[in-house]
C-alpha atoms as a PDB file:
ATOM      1  CA  MET A   1      -0.077   0.045   0.066  1.00  0.00           C
ATOM      2  CA  SER A   2       1.293   3.590  -0.803  1.00  0.00           C
ATOM      3  CA  ALA A   3      -0.189   6.985  -0.235  1.00  0.00           C
ATOM      4  CA  VAL A   4      -1.236   8.935  -3.459  1.00  0.00           C
ATOM      5  CA  HIS A   5       2.056   9.633  -5.264  1.00  0.00           C
ATOM      6  CA  HIS A   6       3.131  11.056  -8.599  1.00  0.00           C
ATOM      7  CA  ILE A   7       4.049   9.354 -11.721  1.00  0.00           C
ATOM      8  CA  PRO A   8       6.576  11.204 -14.054  1.00  0.00           C
ATOM      9  CA  SER A   9       4.587  13.053 -16.924  1.00  0.00           C
ATOM     10  CA  SER A  10       6.235  11.254 -19.420  1.00  0.00           C
ATOM     11  CA  GLU A  11       4.669   7.733 -18.049  1.00  0.00           C
ATOM     12  CA  ALA A  12       1.167   9.536 -17.848  1.00  0.00           C
ATOM     13  CA  ILE A  13      -1.424   9.553 -20.473  1.00  0.00           C
ATOM     14  CA  LEU A  14      -3.912  11.095 -18.392  1.00  0.00           C
ATOM     15  CA  ALA A  15      -3.546  13.085 -15.180  1.00  0.00           C
ATOM     16  CA  CYS A  16      -4.789  15.442 -12.828  1.00  0.00           C
ATOM     17  CA  GLU A  17      -3.816  17.684 -10.324  1.00  0.00           C
ATOM     18  CA  GLY A  18      -5.506  19.471  -7.430  1.00  0.00           C
ATOM     19  CA  LEU A  19      -8.752  18.768  -9.085  1.00  0.00           C
ATOM     20  CA  SER A  20     -12.163  19.685  -7.060  1.00  0.00           C
ATOM     21  CA  LYS A  21     -15.848  19.374  -8.140  1.00  0.00           C
ATOM     22  CA  HIS A  22     -19.006  20.890  -6.602  1.00  0.00           C
ATOM     23  CA  PHE A  23     -22.648  20.654  -7.615  1.00  0.00           C
ATOM     24  CA  GLY A  24     -23.987  23.530  -5.183  1.00  0.00           C
ATOM     25  CA  GLY A  25     -23.527  22.682  -1.585  1.00  0.00           C
ATOM     26  CA  ILE A  26     -22.294  18.998  -2.354  1.00  0.00           C
ATOM     27  CA  ARG A  27     -18.859  18.435  -2.846  1.00  0.00           C
ATOM     28  CA  ALA A  28     -18.120  15.361  -5.205  1.00  0.00           C
ATOM     29  CA  PHE A  29     -14.580  15.435  -4.667  1.00  0.00           C
ATOM     30  CA  THR A  30     -11.688  17.882  -3.677  1.00  0.00           C
ATOM     31  CA  ASP A  31      -8.160  18.123  -4.401  1.00  0.00           C
ATOM     32  CA  VAL A  32      -7.735  14.930  -6.253  1.00  0.00           C
ATOM     33  CA  ALA A  33      -4.376  13.947  -7.718  1.00  0.00           C
ATOM     34  CA  PHE A  34      -4.712  11.104 -10.223  1.00  0.00           C
ATOM     35  CA  GLN A  35      -2.558   9.765 -13.265  1.00  0.00           C
ATOM     36  CA  ALA A  36      -3.101   6.737 -15.771  1.00  0.00           C
ATOM     37  CA  ARG A  37       0.103   5.436 -17.169  1.00  0.00           C
ATOM     38  CA  ARG A  38       0.477   4.365 -20.742  1.00  0.00           C
ATOM     39  CA  GLY A  39      -0.446   1.126 -22.045  1.00  0.00           C
ATOM     40  CA  GLU A  40      -1.412   0.136 -18.739  1.00  0.00           C
ATOM     41  CA  VAL A  41      -5.146  -0.788 -17.297  1.00  0.00           C
ATOM     42  CA  THR A  42      -5.776   1.595 -14.590  1.00  0.00           C
ATOM     43  CA  ALA A  43      -8.463   1.105 -11.979  1.00  0.00           C
ATOM     44  CA  VAL A  44     -10.564   3.370  -9.830  1.00  0.00           C
ATOM     45  CA  ILE A  45     -12.546   1.972  -6.909  1.00  0.00           C
ATOM     46  CA  GLY A  46     -14.643   3.198  -4.354  1.00  0.00           C
ATOM     47  CA  ASP A  47     -18.166   3.020  -2.882  1.00  0.00           C
ATOM     48  CA  ASN A  48     -21.223   4.515  -4.198  1.00  0.00           C
ATOM     49  CA  GLY A  49     -20.884   8.363  -3.803  1.00  0.00           C
ATOM     50  CA  ALA A  50     -16.821   8.455  -3.320  1.00  0.00           C
ATOM     51  CA  GLY A  51     -16.931  10.570  -6.218  1.00  0.00           C
ATOM     52  CA  LYS A  52     -15.157   8.163  -8.999  1.00  0.00           C
ATOM     53  CA  SER A  53     -17.824   8.294 -11.481  1.00  0.00           C
ATOM     54  CA  THR A  54     -17.997  12.096 -11.350  1.00  0.00           C
ATOM     55  CA  LEU A  55     -13.941  12.306 -11.914  1.00  0.00           C
ATOM     56  CA  ILE A  56     -14.049  10.533 -14.976  1.00  0.00           C
ATOM     57  CA  ARG A  57     -16.715  12.644 -16.094  1.00  0.00           C
ATOM     58  CA  CYS A  58     -14.430  15.810 -15.551  1.00  0.00           C
ATOM     59  CA  LEU A  59     -11.529  14.160 -16.959  1.00  0.00           C
ATOM     60  CA  VAL A  60     -13.500  13.280 -20.501  1.00  0.00           C
ATOM     61  CA  GLY A  61     -15.101  16.822 -20.716  1.00  0.00           C
ATOM     62  CA  VAL A  62     -18.868  15.831 -19.565  1.00  0.00           C
ATOM     63  CA  HIS A  63     -18.393  18.026 -16.214  1.00  0.00           C
ATOM     64  CA  VAL A  64     -16.109  21.075 -15.805  1.00  0.00           C
ATOM     65  CA  PRO A  65     -14.115  20.854 -12.779  1.00  0.00           C
ATOM     66  CA  ASP A  66     -14.251  23.925 -10.330  1.00  0.00           C
ATOM     67  CA  GLY A  67     -10.471  23.794 -10.089  1.00  0.00           C
ATOM     68  CA  GLY A  68      -7.259  21.965 -10.665  1.00  0.00           C
ATOM     69  CA  GLU A  69      -5.246  20.935 -13.889  1.00  0.00           C
ATOM     70  CA  ILE A  70      -5.941  17.958 -16.385  1.00  0.00           C
ATOM     71  CA  PHE A  71      -3.114  16.921 -18.596  1.00  0.00           C
ATOM     72  CA  PHE A  72      -3.260  14.582 -21.565  1.00  0.00           C
ATOM     73  CA  ASP A  73      -0.510  12.962 -23.439  1.00  0.00           C
ATOM     74  CA  GLY A  74       1.824  15.289 -21.667  1.00  0.00           C
ATOM     75  CA  GLN A  75       0.020  18.735 -22.181  1.00  0.00           C
ATOM     76  CA  PRO A  76      -2.336  20.629 -20.167  1.00  0.00           C
ATOM     77  CA  LYS A  77      -5.956  19.788 -21.674  1.00  0.00           C
ATOM     78  CA  PRO A  78      -9.083  20.755 -20.032  1.00  0.00           C
ATOM     79  CA  PHE A  79     -11.661  19.684 -21.905  1.00  0.00           C
ATOM     80  CA  GLY A  80     -14.695  21.713 -22.714  1.00  0.00           C
ATOM     81  CA  ASN A  81     -17.033  19.050 -23.544  1.00  0.00           C
ATOM     82  CA  PRO A  82     -16.636  14.924 -24.875  1.00  0.00           C
ATOM     83  CA  ASP A  83     -16.187  15.873 -28.226  1.00  0.00           C
ATOM     84  CA  GLU A  84     -12.808  17.774 -27.664  1.00  0.00           C
ATOM     85  CA  ALA A  85     -11.818  14.765 -25.523  1.00  0.00           C
ATOM     86  CA  ARG A  86     -12.618  12.455 -28.517  1.00  0.00           C
ATOM     87  CA  LYS A  87     -10.692  14.385 -30.831  1.00  0.00           C
ATOM     88  CA  ALA A  88      -7.656  14.238 -28.635  1.00  0.00           C
ATOM     89  CA  GLY A  89      -7.753  10.465 -28.406  1.00  0.00           C
ATOM     90  CA  ILE A  90     -10.200   9.675 -25.435  1.00  0.00           C
ATOM     91  CA  GLU A  91     -13.184   7.233 -26.003  1.00  0.00           C
ATOM     92  CA  THR A  92     -15.482   6.759 -23.298  1.00  0.00           C
ATOM     93  CA  VAL A  93     -17.603   3.557 -23.006  1.00  0.00           C
ATOM     94  CA  HIS A  94     -20.655   4.398 -20.689  1.00  0.00           C
ATOM     95  CA  GLN A  95     -22.889   2.199 -18.468  1.00  0.00           C
ATOM     96  CA  ASN A  96     -25.969   3.081 -20.845  1.00  0.00           C
ATOM     97  CA  LEU A  97     -24.315   1.824 -24.226  1.00  0.00           C
ATOM     98  CA  ALA A  98     -25.056   4.615 -26.516  1.00  0.00           C
ATOM     99  CA  LEU A  99     -26.173   2.426 -29.138  1.00  0.00           C
ATOM    100  CA  ILE A 100     -29.061   2.573 -31.649  1.00  0.00           C
ATOM    101  CA  ASP A 101     -31.212  -0.520 -31.400  1.00  0.00           C
ATOM    102  CA  GLU A 102     -32.754  -0.249 -34.941  1.00  0.00           C
ATOM    103  CA  LEU A 103     -29.480   0.235 -36.652  1.00  0.00           C
ATOM    104  CA  THR A 104     -27.242  -2.796 -37.589  1.00  0.00           C
ATOM    105  CA  VAL A 105     -23.901  -3.773 -36.042  1.00  0.00           C
ATOM    106  CA  ALA A 106     -21.826  -1.771 -38.958  1.00  0.00           C
ATOM    107  CA  GLN A 107     -24.055   1.269 -38.717  1.00  0.00           C
ATOM    108  CA  ASN A 108     -23.382   1.478 -35.001  1.00  0.00           C
ATOM    109  CA  LEU A 109     -19.747   0.988 -35.323  1.00  0.00           C
ATOM    110  CA  PHE A 110     -19.503   4.093 -37.823  1.00  0.00           C
ATOM    111  CA  LEU A 111     -22.215   6.142 -35.879  1.00  0.00           C
ATOM    112  CA  ASN A 112     -21.320   9.967 -36.824  1.00  0.00           C
ATOM    113  CA  ARG A 113     -18.021   8.760 -38.543  1.00  0.00           C
ATOM    114  CA  GLU A 114     -20.041   7.412 -41.693  1.00  0.00           C
ATOM    115  CA  ILE A 115     -17.576   6.580 -44.510  1.00  0.00           C
ATOM    116  CA  VAL A 116     -18.860   8.474 -47.653  1.00  0.00           C
ATOM    117  CA  ARG A 117     -17.989   8.648 -51.322  1.00  0.00           C
ATOM    118  CA  ARG A 118     -18.370  11.724 -53.560  1.00  0.00           C
ATOM    119  CA  ILE A 119     -19.656  11.383 -56.998  1.00  0.00           C
ATOM    120  CA  GLY A 120     -19.627  14.902 -58.313  1.00  0.00           C
ATOM    121  CA  PRO A 121     -21.705  17.497 -55.901  1.00  0.00           C
ATOM    122  CA  PHE A 122     -23.099  14.263 -54.234  1.00  0.00           C
ATOM    123  CA  ALA A 123     -22.097  12.469 -51.150  1.00  0.00           C
ATOM    124  CA  LEU A 124     -23.441   8.831 -50.473  1.00  0.00           C
ATOM    125  CA  LEU A 125     -23.095   6.447 -47.792  1.00  0.00           C
ATOM    126  CA  ASP A 126     -20.496   3.817 -48.638  1.00  0.00           C
ATOM    127  CA  ARG A 127     -21.968   0.820 -46.894  1.00  0.00           C
ATOM    128  CA  LYS A 128     -19.913  -1.464 -48.486  1.00  0.00           C
ATOM    129  CA  ALA A 129     -16.674  -0.105 -46.942  1.00  0.00           C
ATOM    130  CA  MET A 130     -18.494   0.135 -43.520  1.00  0.00           C
ATOM    131  CA  ARG A 131     -19.318  -3.273 -43.350  1.00  0.00           C
ATOM    132  CA  THR A 132     -15.810  -4.628 -44.738  1.00  0.00           C
ATOM    133  CA  GLN A 133     -14.312  -2.074 -42.256  1.00  0.00           C
ATOM    134  CA  ALA A 134     -16.843  -3.226 -39.468  1.00  0.00           C
ATOM    135  CA  ARG A 135     -15.721  -6.941 -39.973  1.00  0.00           C
ATOM    136  CA  ALA A 136     -11.856  -6.025 -39.825  1.00  0.00           C
ATOM    137  CA  MET A 137     -12.756  -4.116 -36.553  1.00  0.00           C
ATOM    138  CA  LEU A 138     -14.227  -6.919 -34.923  1.00  0.00           C
ATOM    139  CA  SER A 139     -11.654  -9.453 -36.252  1.00  0.00           C
ATOM    140  CA  ARG A 140      -8.713  -7.274 -34.794  1.00  0.00           C
ATOM    141  CA  LEU A 141     -10.133  -7.598 -31.543  1.00  0.00           C
ATOM    142  CA  SER A 142     -11.270 -11.313 -31.796  1.00  0.00           C
ATOM    143  CA  ILE A 143     -15.144 -10.273 -31.494  1.00  0.00           C
ATOM    144  CA  ASN A 144     -17.482 -13.119 -32.704  1.00  0.00           C
ATOM    145  CA  MET A 145     -20.813 -11.458 -34.195  1.00  0.00           C
ATOM    146  CA  PRO A 146     -23.183 -13.469 -36.123  1.00  0.00           C
ATOM    147  CA  SER A 147     -23.272 -10.553 -38.869  1.00  0.00           C
ATOM    148  CA  VAL A 148     -22.263  -6.867 -39.213  1.00  0.00           C
ATOM    149  CA  ASN A 149     -25.689  -6.621 -40.837  1.00  0.00           C
ATOM    150  CA  GLN A 150     -27.462  -7.753 -37.570  1.00  0.00           C
ATOM    151  CA  ARG A 151     -29.730  -5.141 -36.115  1.00  0.00           C
ATOM    152  CA  VAL A 152     -28.292  -4.420 -32.446  1.00  0.00           C
ATOM    153  CA  ARG A 153     -31.707  -4.719 -30.582  1.00  0.00           C
ATOM    154  CA  ARG A 154     -31.054  -8.751 -31.327  1.00  0.00           C
ATOM    155  CA  LEU A 155     -27.761  -8.878 -29.556  1.00  0.00           C
ATOM    156  CA  SER A 156     -27.142  -9.756 -26.043  1.00  0.00           C
ATOM    157  CA  GLY A 157     -25.819  -7.509 -23.398  1.00  0.00           C
ATOM    158  CA  GLY A 158     -22.266  -8.777 -23.826  1.00  0.00           C
ATOM    159  CA  GLN A 159     -22.372  -8.407 -27.370  1.00  0.00           C
ATOM    160  CA  ARG A 160     -23.655  -5.185 -27.219  1.00  0.00           C
ATOM    161  CA  GLN A 161     -20.690  -4.081 -24.771  1.00  0.00           C
ATOM    162  CA  ALA A 162     -18.342  -5.484 -27.446  1.00  0.00           C
ATOM    163  CA  ILE A 163     -19.763  -3.292 -30.034  1.00  0.00           C
ATOM    164  CA  SER A 164     -19.236  -0.436 -27.866  1.00  0.00           C
ATOM    165  CA  ILE A 165     -15.818  -1.157 -27.079  1.00  0.00           C
ATOM    166  CA  CYS A 166     -14.735  -1.973 -30.611  1.00  0.00           C
ATOM    167  CA  ARG A 167     -16.145   1.250 -31.801  1.00  0.00           C
ATOM    168  CA  ALA A 168     -14.259   3.337 -28.838  1.00  0.00           C
ATOM    169  CA  ALA A 169     -10.871   1.240 -30.053  1.00  0.00           C
ATOM    170  CA  GLY A 170     -11.775   1.432 -33.764  1.00  0.00           C
ATOM    171  CA  SER A 171     -11.500   5.231 -33.695  1.00  0.00           C
ATOM    172  CA  GLY A 172      -7.829   5.066 -33.153  1.00  0.00           C
ATOM    173  CA  ALA A 173      -8.266   6.248 -29.529  1.00  0.00           C
ATOM    174  CA  LYS A 174      -4.965   6.598 -27.383  1.00  0.00           C
ATOM    175  CA  LEU A 175      -7.275   5.872 -24.374  1.00  0.00           C
ATOM    176  CA  VAL A 176     -10.458   4.100 -23.546  1.00  0.00           C
ATOM    177  CA  VAL A 177     -12.657   4.895 -20.266  1.00  0.00           C
ATOM    178  CA  MET A 178     -14.814   2.457 -19.167  1.00  0.00           C
ATOM    179  CA  ASP A 179     -17.460   2.848 -16.296  1.00  0.00           C
ATOM    180  CA  GLU A 180     -19.061  -0.554 -15.018  1.00  0.00           C
ATOM    181  CA  PRO A 181     -18.306  -2.265 -18.167  1.00  0.00           C
ATOM    182  CA  THR A 182     -19.678  -5.912 -17.070  1.00  0.00           C
ATOM    183  CA  ALA A 183     -22.245  -4.368 -14.467  1.00  0.00           C
ATOM    184  CA  ALA A 184     -25.430  -5.759 -16.188  1.00  0.00           C
ATOM    185  CA  LEU A 185     -23.355  -9.252 -17.795  1.00  0.00           C
ATOM    186  CA  GLY A 186     -23.561 -13.059 -16.656  1.00  0.00           C
ATOM    187  CA  VAL A 187     -20.282 -14.855 -16.079  1.00  0.00           C
ATOM    188  CA  GLN A 188     -19.567 -15.792 -19.707  1.00  0.00           C
ATOM    189  CA  GLU A 189     -20.343 -12.488 -21.004  1.00  0.00           C
ATOM    190  CA  THR A 190     -18.179 -10.827 -18.353  1.00  0.00           C
ATOM    191  CA  ALA A 191     -15.176 -13.126 -19.377  1.00  0.00           C
ATOM    192  CA  ASN A 192     -15.439 -12.304 -22.870  1.00  0.00           C
ATOM    193  CA  VAL A 193     -15.700  -8.487 -22.138  1.00  0.00           C
ATOM    194  CA  GLU A 194     -12.660  -8.762 -19.547  1.00  0.00           C
ATOM    195  CA  ALA A 195     -10.677 -10.841 -22.591  1.00  0.00           C
ATOM    196  CA  LEU A 196     -11.569  -7.751 -24.877  1.00  0.00           C
ATOM    197  CA  ILE A 197     -10.269  -5.358 -22.325  1.00  0.00           C
ATOM    198  CA  ARG A 198      -6.874  -7.186 -22.037  1.00  0.00           C
ATOM    199  CA  ARG A 199      -6.468  -7.317 -26.040  1.00  0.00           C
ATOM    200  CA  LEU A 200      -6.860  -3.734 -25.989  1.00  0.00           C
ATOM    201  CA  ARG A 201      -4.019  -3.358 -23.557  1.00  0.00           C
ATOM    202  CA  ASP A 202      -2.066  -6.000 -25.666  1.00  0.00           C
ATOM    203  CA  GLN A 203      -2.384  -3.819 -28.768  1.00  0.00           C
ATOM    204  CA  GLY A 204      -0.955  -0.495 -26.732  1.00  0.00           C
ATOM    205  CA  VAL A 205      -4.270   1.160 -25.776  1.00  0.00           C
ATOM    206  CA  SER A 206      -4.507   2.547 -22.483  1.00  0.00           C
ATOM    207  CA  VAL A 207      -7.407   1.826 -20.234  1.00  0.00           C
ATOM    208  CA  ILE A 208      -9.124   3.491 -17.356  1.00  0.00           C
ATOM    209  CA  LEU A 209     -11.814   0.964 -15.716  1.00  0.00           C
ATOM    210  CA  VAL A 210     -14.261   2.220 -12.949  1.00  0.00           C
ATOM    211  CA  SER A 211     -15.299  -1.023 -11.252  1.00  0.00           C
ATOM    212  CA  HIS A 212     -17.112  -2.416  -7.969  1.00  0.00           C
ATOM    213  CA  ASN A 213     -15.935  -5.720  -8.593  1.00  0.00           C
ATOM    214  CA  PHE A 214     -12.761  -6.042  -6.728  1.00  0.00           C
ATOM    215  CA  ASP A 215     -11.709  -9.589  -8.279  1.00  0.00           C
ATOM    216  CA  GLN A 216     -11.895  -8.144 -11.703  1.00  0.00           C
ATOM    217  CA  VAL A 217      -9.955  -4.844 -11.090  1.00  0.00           C
ATOM    218  CA  ARG A 218      -7.058  -7.382  -9.495  1.00  0.00           C
ATOM    219  CA  ARG A 219      -7.518  -9.748 -12.688  1.00  0.00           C
ATOM    220  CA  LEU A 220      -7.048  -6.834 -15.348  1.00  0.00           C
ATOM    221  CA  SER A 221      -5.356  -3.941 -13.884  1.00  0.00           C
ATOM    222  CA  ASP A 222      -2.058  -2.896 -13.813  1.00  0.00           C
ATOM    223  CA  GLN A 223      -2.749   0.191 -11.181  1.00  0.00           C
ATOM    224  CA  ILE A 224      -5.607   0.612  -8.616  1.00  0.00           C
ATOM    225  CA  TRP A 225      -6.619   4.176  -7.303  1.00  0.00           C
ATOM    226  CA  VAL A 226      -8.984   4.362  -4.428  1.00  0.00           C
ATOM    227  CA  MET A 227     -11.406   7.105  -3.713  1.00  0.00           C
ATOM    228  CA  ARG A 228     -13.388   7.200  -0.443  1.00  0.00           C
ATOM    229  CA  ALA A 229     -15.621  10.396   0.159  1.00  0.00           C
ATOM    230  CA  GLY A 230     -14.310  12.895  -2.338  1.00  0.00           C
ATOM    231  CA  LYS A 231     -10.813  12.215  -1.669  1.00  0.00           C
ATOM    232  CA  MET A 232      -8.292   9.880  -3.349  1.00  0.00           C
ATOM    233  CA  VAL A 233      -6.817   7.959  -0.614  1.00  0.00           C
ATOM    234  CA  ALA A 234      -4.580   5.528  -1.883  1.00  0.00           C
ATOM    235  CA  THR A 235      -2.936   3.810  -4.831  1.00  0.00           C
ATOM    236  CA  VAL A 236      -1.485   0.488  -5.217  1.00  0.00           C
ATOM    237  CA  ARG A 237       0.229  -1.991  -7.852  1.00  0.00           C
ATOM    238  CA  ALA A 238      -2.886  -4.656  -8.492  1.00  0.00           C
ATOM    239  CA  SER A 239      -0.143  -7.545  -8.532  1.00  0.00           C
ATOM    240  CA  GLU A 240       1.154  -6.248  -4.750  1.00  0.00           C
ATOM    241  CA  THR A 241      -2.706  -6.244  -3.165  1.00  0.00           C
ATOM    242  CA  SER A 242      -5.129  -8.142  -2.074  1.00  0.00           C
ATOM    243  CA  GLY A 243      -9.092  -8.221  -1.773  1.00  0.00           C
ATOM    244  CA  ASN A 244      -9.217  -7.765   1.537  1.00  0.00           C
ATOM    245  CA  GLU A 245      -6.621  -5.050   1.530  1.00  0.00           C
ATOM    246  CA  LEU A 246      -8.925  -3.049  -1.026  1.00  0.00           C
ATOM    247  CA  VAL A 247     -11.949  -3.373   0.943  1.00  0.00           C
ATOM    248  CA  ALA A 248      -9.673  -2.021   3.781  1.00  0.00           C
ATOM    249  CA  LEU A 249      -8.980   0.981   1.710  1.00  0.00           C
ATOM    250  CA  VAL A 250     -12.262   1.484   0.603  1.00  0.00           C
ATOM    251  CA  THR A 251     -14.296   1.387   3.934  1.00  0.00           C
ATOM    252  CA  GLY A 252     -11.158   3.095   5.573  1.00  0.00           C
ATOM    253  CA  ALA A 253     -10.718   0.332   7.756  1.00  0.00           C
ATOM    254  CA  ALA A 254      -7.082   0.552   6.586  1.00  0.00           C
END
């Protein structure tokens, strides 16, 4: 176990110093320092209300923090909105999966970044190119999907989560942020999504994982950060901690 410490900025893909966020009179978190190393899975854990989801939303531009600094890829980068974060190379996979049920797998993978071909003054959707590239994206992450032409509403929860992660990774993201990616999934589908997260890391994509599942965090992550009551209270290497220690850190018993 160690107190919160600072990694040299050259090792950090995303970092913050002195970050604070309040909603009216309610303090979400205060004076938080956090860093996620390049090419690693970095976990953030804590009880409900600890401030971890709000912290992540501040880091990716959903909320504007009240104070402190955010750094991405070694540069000061306060994101004004999620689109700015996305353009910089941060993709976020939310719990409420922003997929459109009536569209196909391929259409969802290219949502808001459709491939078009120009014929004179006209721009036409290149559906064939999107289907071909969708198959390549799924293949690169070893995701099994019945067909890229299948409508998303017919897919299981694990398949839908895989599509969201694939869409994030397929955009060329440097960092993929996941908030409780397996919360609503069964055992086998959870295992599939965990394998997908490992493949992302193996391909050099950095990952930030917010999870309540301490066993999952220890299986998947390299570094674990612990929040309690709006403060970042500890950070540990996953290989050097235990489930009991994490429980003690989260509850304040340690």
